[in-house]
Amino acid sequence: MKKSDIAMIILIAGVGVIIAYFIAVNIPFLKLPENGMKVQTVRELKSEVSEPSEDVFNAEAINPTVEVVVGSGGAE
């Protein structure tokens, strides 16, 4: 490629970027409202841990980590 070809590509790309910028600035839904926006704030996190419910965690509860075999247990 000649130097003039590279310069022309850079010029065309630069003009394209400038045109795209001005088009994007004028699109209404991309603009922020004048009065700002309200955002939800995070509530304060506490380091204390509450005790688990006795209804769920008790001695008679089902242990999901125990393997359950239904039938003869063989892979037939």
PDB file of N, CA and C in Angstrom:
ATOM      1  N   MET A   1       0.828  -1.176   0.000  1.00  0.00           N
ATOM      2  CA  MET A   1       0.000   0.000   0.000  1.00  0.00           C
ATOM      3  C   MET A   1       0.874   1.241   0.000  1.00  0.00           C
ATOM      4  N   LYS A   2       0.361   2.242  -0.654  1.00  0.00           N
ATOM      5  CA  LYS A   2       1.069   3.511  -0.675  1.00  0.00           C
ATOM      6  C   LYS A   2       0.736   4.313   0.568  1.00  0.00           C
ATOM      7  N   LYS A   3       1.569   5.299   0.848  1.00  0.00           N
ATOM      8  CA  LYS A   3       1.324   6.159   1.996  1.00  0.00           C
ATOM      9  C   LYS A   3       0.016   6.924   1.838  1.00  0.00           C
ATOM     10  N   SER A   4      -0.323   7.285   0.633  1.00  0.00           N
ATOM     11  CA  SER A   4      -1.561   8.046   0.404  1.00  0.00           C
ATOM     12  C   SER A   4      -2.789   7.166   0.668  1.00  0.00           C
ATOM     13  N   ASP A   5      -2.686   5.855   0.394  1.00  0.00           N
ATOM     14  CA  ASP A   5      -3.804   4.942   0.681  1.00  0.00           C
ATOM     15  C   ASP A   5      -4.022   4.820   2.189  1.00  0.00           C
ATOM     16  N   ILE A   6      -2.955   4.695   2.937  1.00  0.00           N
ATOM     17  CA  ILE A   6      -3.057   4.589   4.399  1.00  0.00           C
ATOM     18  C   ILE A   6      -3.622   5.875   4.981  1.00  0.00           C
ATOM     19  N   ALA A   7      -3.157   7.012   4.467  1.00  0.00           N
ATOM     20  CA  ALA A   7      -3.661   8.298   4.947  1.00  0.00           C
ATOM     21  C   ALA A   7      -5.153   8.445   4.632  1.00  0.00           C
ATOM     22  N   MET A   8      -5.588   7.992   3.491  1.00  0.00           N
ATOM     23  CA  MET A   8      -7.006   8.082   3.117  1.00  0.00           C
ATOM     24  C   MET A   8      -7.860   7.182   4.018  1.00  0.00           C
ATOM     25  N   ILE A   9      -7.369   5.986   4.335  1.00  0.00           N
ATOM     26  CA  ILE A   9      -8.105   5.081   5.233  1.00  0.00           C
ATOM     27  C   ILE A   9      -8.237   5.708   6.618  1.00  0.00           C
ATOM     28  N   ILE A  10      -7.156   6.316   7.117  1.00  0.00           N
ATOM     29  CA  ILE A  10      -7.194   6.964   8.424  1.00  0.00           C
ATOM     30  C   ILE A  10      -8.149   8.145   8.399  1.00  0.00           C
ATOM     31  N   LEU A  11      -8.149   8.912   7.335  1.00  0.00           N
ATOM     32  CA  LEU A  11      -9.057  10.066   7.209  1.00  0.00           C
ATOM     33  C   LEU A  11     -10.511   9.615   7.179  1.00  0.00           C
ATOM     34  N   ILE A  12     -10.825   8.604   6.396  1.00  0.00           N
ATOM     35  CA  ILE A  12     -12.204   8.108   6.302  1.00  0.00           C
ATOM     36  C   ILE A  12     -12.653   7.530   7.639  1.00  0.00           C
ATOM     37  N   ALA A  13     -11.790   6.787   8.327  1.00  0.00           N
ATOM     38  CA  ALA A  13     -12.135   6.222   9.631  1.00  0.00           C
ATOM     39  C   ALA A  13     -12.366   7.334  10.651  1.00  0.00           C
ATOM     40  N   GLY A  14     -11.531   8.357  10.632  1.00  0.00           N
ATOM     41  CA  GLY A  14     -11.685   9.482  11.556  1.00  0.00           C
ATOM     42  C   GLY A  14     -12.987  10.228  11.328  1.00  0.00           C
ATOM     43  N   VAL A  15     -13.324  10.489  10.082  1.00  0.00           N
ATOM     44  CA  VAL A  15     -14.581  11.179   9.760  1.00  0.00           C
ATOM     45  C   VAL A  15     -15.766  10.302  10.169  1.00  0.00           C
ATOM     46  N   GLY A  16     -15.666   9.005   9.971  1.00  0.00           N
ATOM     47  CA  GLY A  16     -16.740   8.094  10.370  1.00  0.00           C
ATOM     48  C   GLY A  16     -16.957   8.095  11.868  1.00  0.00           C
ATOM     49  N   VAL A  17     -15.877   8.125  12.640  1.00  0.00           N
ATOM     50  CA  VAL A  17     -15.987   8.164  14.099  1.00  0.00           C
ATOM     51  C   VAL A  17     -16.639   9.471  14.548  1.00  0.00           C
ATOM     52  N   ILE A  18     -16.253  10.577  13.947  1.00  0.00           N
ATOM     53  CA  ILE A  18     -16.836  11.875  14.313  1.00  0.00           C
ATOM     54  C   ILE A  18     -18.323  11.911  13.983  1.00  0.00           C
ATOM     55  N   ILE A  19     -18.714  11.410  12.834  1.00  0.00           N
ATOM     56  CA  ILE A  19     -20.136  11.372  12.456  1.00  0.00           C
ATOM     57  C   ILE A  19     -20.909  10.460  13.402  1.00  0.00           C
ATOM     58  N   ALA A  20     -20.356   9.302  13.737  1.00  0.00           N
ATOM     59  CA  ALA A  20     -21.024   8.377  14.657  1.00  0.00           C
ATOM     60  C   ALA A  20     -21.186   9.009  16.037  1.00  0.00           C
ATOM     61  N   TYR A  21     -20.193   9.766  16.486  1.00  0.00           N
ATOM     62  CA  TYR A  21     -20.286  10.431  17.788  1.00  0.00           C
ATOM     63  C   TYR A  21     -21.442  11.428  17.800  1.00  0.00           C
ATOM     64  N   PHE A  22     -21.532  12.269  16.784  1.00  0.00           N
ATOM     65  CA  PHE A  22     -22.602  13.269  16.749  1.00  0.00           C
ATOM     66  C   PHE A  22     -23.980  12.635  16.603  1.00  0.00           C
ATOM     67  N   ILE A  23     -24.073  11.536  15.922  1.00  0.00           N
ATOM     68  CA  ILE A  23     -25.360  10.824  15.826  1.00  0.00           C
ATOM     69  C   ILE A  23     -25.724  10.236  17.188  1.00  0.00           C
ATOM     70  N   ALA A  24     -24.768   9.636  17.881  1.00  0.00           N
ATOM     71  CA  ALA A  24     -25.037   9.017  19.178  1.00  0.00           C
ATOM     72  C   ALA A  24     -25.402  10.059  20.229  1.00  0.00           C
ATOM     73  N   VAL A  25     -24.818  11.237  20.171  1.00  0.00           N
ATOM     74  CA  VAL A  25     -25.116  12.293  21.139  1.00  0.00           C
ATOM     75  C   VAL A  25     -26.556  12.775  20.969  1.00  0.00           C
ATOM     76  N   ASN A  26     -27.087  12.722  19.777  1.00  0.00           N
ATOM     77  CA  ASN A  26     -28.423  13.247  19.514  1.00  0.00           C
ATOM     78  C   ASN A  26     -29.538  12.226  19.649  1.00  0.00           C
ATOM     79  N   ILE A  27     -29.242  10.989  19.988  1.00  0.00           N
ATOM     80  CA  ILE A  27     -30.279   9.980  20.199  1.00  0.00           C
ATOM     81  C   ILE A  27     -30.870  10.191  21.590  1.00  0.00           C
ATOM     82  N   PRO A  28     -32.172  10.434  21.698  1.00  0.00           N
ATOM     83  CA  PRO A  28     -32.763  10.826  22.985  1.00  0.00           C
ATOM     84  C   PRO A  28     -32.666   9.768  24.083  1.00  0.00           C
ATOM     85  N   PHE A  29     -32.850   8.496  23.784  1.00  0.00           N
ATOM     86  CA  PHE A  29     -32.865   7.500  24.857  1.00  0.00           C
ATOM     87  C   PHE A  29     -31.473   7.199  25.400  1.00  0.00           C
ATOM     88  N   LEU A  30     -30.430   7.725  24.804  1.00  0.00           N
ATOM     89  CA  LEU A  30     -29.083   7.557  25.333  1.00  0.00           C
ATOM     90  C   LEU A  30     -28.689   8.676  26.292  1.00  0.00           C
ATOM     91  N   LYS A  31     -29.536   9.707  26.402  1.00  0.00           N
ATOM     92  CA  LYS A  31     -29.224  10.837  27.277  1.00  0.00           C
ATOM     93  C   LYS A  31     -29.726  10.576  28.686  1.00  0.00           C
ATOM     94  N   LEU A  32     -28.989  11.086  29.674  1.00  0.00           N
ATOM     95  CA  LEU A  32     -29.409  10.998  31.061  1.00  0.00           C
ATOM     96  C   LEU A  32     -30.427  12.093  31.341  1.00  0.00           C
ATOM     97  N   PRO A  33     -31.380  11.835  32.240  1.00  0.00           N
ATOM     98  CA  PRO A  33     -32.343  12.878  32.583  1.00  0.00           C
ATOM     99  C   PRO A  33     -31.652  14.058  33.266  1.00  0.00           C
ATOM    100  N   GLU A  34     -32.232  15.243  33.085  1.00  0.00           N
ATOM    101  CA  GLU A  34     -31.653  16.463  33.651  1.00  0.00           C
ATOM    102  C   GLU A  34     -31.642  16.428  35.178  1.00  0.00           C
ATOM    103  N   ASN A  35     -32.706  15.867  35.797  1.00  0.00           N
ATOM    104  CA  ASN A  35     -32.813  15.890  37.251  1.00  0.00           C
ATOM    105  C   ASN A  35     -32.138  14.691  37.913  1.00  0.00           C
ATOM    106  N   GLY A  36     -31.463  13.874  37.169  1.00  0.00           N
ATOM    107  CA  GLY A  36     -30.773  12.716  37.726  1.00  0.00           C
ATOM    108  C   GLY A  36     -31.693  11.513  37.838  1.00  0.00           C
ATOM    109  N   MET A  37     -31.179  10.453  38.389  1.00  0.00           N
ATOM    110  CA  MET A  37     -31.961   9.235  38.534  1.00  0.00           C
ATOM    111  C   MET A  37     -31.896   8.765  39.983  1.00  0.00           C
ATOM    112  N   LYS A  38     -32.987   8.145  40.444  1.00  0.00           N
ATOM    113  CA  LYS A  38     -33.006   7.551  41.779  1.00  0.00           C
ATOM    114  C   LYS A  38     -32.548   6.101  41.655  1.00  0.00           C
ATOM    115  N   VAL A  39     -31.657   5.702  42.542  1.00  0.00           N
ATOM    116  CA  VAL A  39     -31.178   4.327  42.546  1.00  0.00           C
ATOM    117  C   VAL A  39     -31.420   3.730  43.928  1.00  0.00           C
ATOM    118  N   GLN A  40     -31.578   2.435  43.951  1.00  0.00           N
ATOM    119  CA  GLN A  40     -31.799   1.742  45.212  1.00  0.00           C
ATOM    120  C   GLN A  40     -30.466   1.636  45.952  1.00  0.00           C
ATOM    121  N   THR A  41     -30.495   1.930  47.225  1.00  0.00           N
ATOM    122  CA  THR A  41     -29.274   1.835  48.008  1.00  0.00           C
ATOM    123  C   THR A  41     -29.237   0.497  48.742  1.00  0.00           C
ATOM    124  N   VAL A  42     -28.055   0.058  49.076  1.00  0.00           N
ATOM    125  CA  VAL A  42     -27.869  -1.216  49.759  1.00  0.00           C
ATOM    126  C   VAL A  42     -28.126  -1.019  51.247  1.00  0.00           C
ATOM    127  N   ARG A  43     -28.901  -1.930  51.836  1.00  0.00           N
ATOM    128  CA  ARG A  43     -29.123  -1.829  53.271  1.00  0.00           C
ATOM    129  C   ARG A  43     -27.862  -2.255  54.011  1.00  0.00           C
ATOM    130  N   GLU A  44     -27.763  -1.856  55.247  1.00  0.00           N
ATOM    131  CA  GLU A  44     -26.571  -2.142  56.037  1.00  0.00           C
ATOM    132  C   GLU A  44     -26.448  -3.643  56.303  1.00  0.00           C
ATOM    133  N   LEU A  45     -25.271  -4.181  56.092  1.00  0.00           N
ATOM    134  CA  LEU A  45     -25.006  -5.594  56.362  1.00  0.00           C
ATOM    135  C   LEU A  45     -24.486  -5.737  57.783  1.00  0.00           C
ATOM    136  N   LYS A  46     -24.989  -6.738  58.473  1.00  0.00           N
ATOM    137  CA  LYS A  46     -24.574  -6.963  59.849  1.00  0.00           C
ATOM    138  C   LYS A  46     -23.770  -8.254  59.929  1.00  0.00           C
ATOM    139  N   SER A  47     -22.835  -8.295  60.859  1.00  0.00           N
ATOM    140  CA  SER A  47     -21.958  -9.459  60.981  1.00  0.00           C
ATOM    141  C   SER A  47     -22.528 -10.535  61.900  1.00  0.00           C
ATOM    142  N   GLU A  48     -23.621 -10.268  62.567  1.00  0.00           N
ATOM    143  CA  GLU A  48     -24.182 -11.266  63.475  1.00  0.00           C
ATOM    144  C   GLU A  48     -25.017 -12.288  62.694  1.00  0.00           C
ATOM    145  N   VAL A  49     -24.951 -13.533  63.136  1.00  0.00           N
ATOM    146  CA  VAL A  49     -25.654 -14.630  62.481  1.00  0.00           C
ATOM    147  C   VAL A  49     -26.759 -15.109  63.420  1.00  0.00           C
ATOM    148  N   SER A  50     -27.975 -15.233  62.868  1.00  0.00           N
ATOM    149  CA  SER A  50     -29.078 -15.704  63.700  1.00  0.00           C
ATOM    150  C   SER A  50     -29.097 -17.236  63.733  1.00  0.00           C
ATOM    151  N   GLU A  51     -29.686 -17.789  64.761  1.00  0.00           N
ATOM    152  CA  GLU A  51     -29.781 -19.236  64.902  1.00  0.00           C
ATOM    153  C   GLU A  51     -30.745 -19.795  63.859  1.00  0.00           C
ATOM    154  N   PRO A  52     -30.448 -20.975  63.294  1.00  0.00           N
ATOM    155  CA  PRO A  52     -31.351 -21.562  62.311  1.00  0.00           C
ATOM    156  C   PRO A  52     -32.655 -22.026  62.957  1.00  0.00           C
ATOM    157  N   SER A  53     -33.686 -22.144  62.146  1.00  0.00           N
ATOM    158  CA  SER A  53     -35.006 -22.537  62.626  1.00  0.00           C
ATOM    159  C   SER A  53     -35.000 -23.998  63.081  1.00  0.00           C
ATOM    160  N   GLU A  54     -35.605 -24.244  64.232  1.00  0.00           N
ATOM    161  CA  GLU A  54     -35.718 -25.615  64.745  1.00  0.00           C
ATOM    162  C   GLU A  54     -36.719 -26.442  63.924  1.00  0.00           C
ATOM    163  N   ASP A  55     -37.605 -25.782  63.186  1.00  0.00           N
ATOM    164  CA  ASP A  55     -38.555 -26.512  62.340  1.00  0.00           C
ATOM    165  C   ASP A  55     -37.840 -27.229  61.200  1.00  0.00           C
ATOM    166  N   VAL A  56     -36.790 -26.632  60.691  1.00  0.00           N
ATOM    167  CA  VAL A  56     -36.065 -27.200  59.555  1.00  0.00           C
ATOM    168  C   VAL A  56     -34.872 -28.030  60.014  1.00  0.00           C
ATOM    169  N   PHE A  57     -34.105 -27.515  60.938  1.00  0.00           N
ATOM    170  CA  PHE A  57     -32.892 -28.183  61.394  1.00  0.00           C
ATOM    171  C   PHE A  57     -33.155 -28.851  62.741  1.00  0.00           C
ATOM    172  N   ASN A  58     -33.513 -30.118  62.692  1.00  0.00           N
ATOM    173  CA  ASN A  58     -33.751 -30.874  63.922  1.00  0.00           C
ATOM    174  C   ASN A  58     -33.223 -32.290  63.753  1.00  0.00           C
ATOM    175  N   ALA A  59     -33.298 -33.082  64.790  1.00  0.00           N
ATOM    176  CA  ALA A  59     -32.732 -34.430  64.758  1.00  0.00           C
ATOM    177  C   ALA A  59     -33.486 -35.361  63.816  1.00  0.00           C
ATOM    178  N   GLU A  60     -34.767 -35.124  63.579  1.00  0.00           N
ATOM    179  CA  GLU A  60     -35.569 -35.998  62.715  1.00  0.00           C
ATOM    180  C   GLU A  60     -35.580 -35.541  61.254  1.00  0.00           C
ATOM    181  N   ALA A  61     -34.861 -34.512  60.920  1.00  0.00           N
ATOM    182  CA  ALA A  61     -34.870 -33.984  59.556  1.00  0.00           C
ATOM    183  C   ALA A  61     -34.172 -34.949  58.600  1.00  0.00           C
ATOM    184  N   ILE A  62     -34.538 -34.903  57.322  1.00  0.00           N
ATOM    185  CA  ILE A  62     -33.930 -35.753  56.298  1.00  0.00           C
ATOM    186  C   ILE A  62     -32.566 -35.179  55.936  1.00  0.00           C
ATOM    187  N   ASN A  63     -31.559 -36.036  55.876  1.00  0.00           N
ATOM    188  CA  ASN A  63     -30.209 -35.617  55.510  1.00  0.00           C
ATOM    189  C   ASN A  63     -30.046 -35.813  54.006  1.00  0.00           C
ATOM    190  N   PRO A  64     -29.974 -34.734  53.208  1.00  0.00           N
ATOM    191  CA  PRO A  64     -29.880 -34.881  51.752  1.00  0.00           C
ATOM    192  C   PRO A  64     -28.518 -35.365  51.271  1.00  0.00           C
ATOM    193  N   THR A  65     -27.526 -35.444  52.147  1.00  0.00           N
ATOM    194  CA  THR A  65     -26.203 -35.889  51.712  1.00  0.00           C
ATOM    195  C   THR A  65     -26.037 -37.393  51.780  1.00  0.00           C
ATOM    196  N   VAL A  66     -27.026 -38.110  52.353  1.00  0.00           N
ATOM    197  CA  VAL A  66     -26.950 -39.556  52.469  1.00  0.00           C
ATOM    198  C   VAL A  66     -27.439 -40.175  51.166  1.00  0.00           C
ATOM    199  N   GLU A  67     -26.666 -41.124  50.620  1.00  0.00           N
ATOM    200  CA  GLU A  67     -27.044 -41.776  49.371  1.00  0.00           C
ATOM    201  C   GLU A  67     -28.199 -42.741  49.630  1.00  0.00           C
ATOM    202  N   VAL A  68     -29.233 -42.663  48.793  1.00  0.00           N
ATOM    203  CA  VAL A  68     -30.403 -43.506  48.927  1.00  0.00           C
ATOM    204  C   VAL A  68     -30.427 -44.470  47.755  1.00  0.00           C
ATOM    205  N   VAL A  69     -30.548 -45.776  48.035  1.00  0.00           N
ATOM    206  CA  VAL A  69     -30.609 -46.782  46.986  1.00  0.00           C
ATOM    207  C   VAL A  69     -32.009 -47.368  46.984  1.00  0.00           C
ATOM    208  N   VAL A  70     -32.657 -47.318  45.805  1.00  0.00           N
ATOM    209  CA  VAL A  70     -34.000 -47.870  45.669  1.00  0.00           C
ATOM    210  C   VAL A  70     -33.895 -49.180  44.894  1.00  0.00           C
ATOM    211  N   GLY A  71     -34.498 -50.238  45.367  1.00  0.00           N
ATOM    212  CA  GLY A  71     -34.456 -51.539  44.697  1.00  0.00           C
ATOM    213  C   GLY A  71     -33.275 -52.358  45.187  1.00  0.00           C
ATOM    214  N   SER A  72     -32.754 -53.199  44.293  1.00  0.00           N
ATOM    215  CA  SER A  72     -31.671 -54.120  44.686  1.00  0.00           C
ATOM    216  C   SER A  72     -30.326 -53.412  44.807  1.00  0.00           C
ATOM    217  N   GLY A  73     -30.210 -52.261  44.183  1.00  0.00           N
ATOM    218  CA  GLY A  73     -28.944 -51.513  44.295  1.00  0.00           C
ATOM    219  C   GLY A  73     -27.913 -51.915  43.268  1.00  0.00           C
ATOM    220  N   GLY A  74     -28.167 -52.898  42.434  1.00  0.00           N
ATOM    221  CA  GLY A  74     -27.208 -53.314  41.420  1.00  0.00           C
ATOM    222  C   GLY A  74     -27.473 -52.593  40.114  1.00  0.00           C
ATOM    223  N   ALA A  75     -26.442 -52.372  39.354  1.00  0.00           N
ATOM    224  CA  ALA A  75     -26.579 -51.724  38.058  1.00  0.00           C
ATOM    225  C   ALA A  75     -26.762 -52.809  37.003  1.00  0.00           C
ATOM    226  N   GLU A  76     -28.005 -53.221  36.787  1.00  0.00           N
ATOM    227  CA  GLU A  76     -28.260 -54.307  35.852  1.00  0.00           C
ATOM    228  C   GLU A  76     -28.791 -53.795  34.557  1.00  0.00           C
TER     229      GLU A  76
END
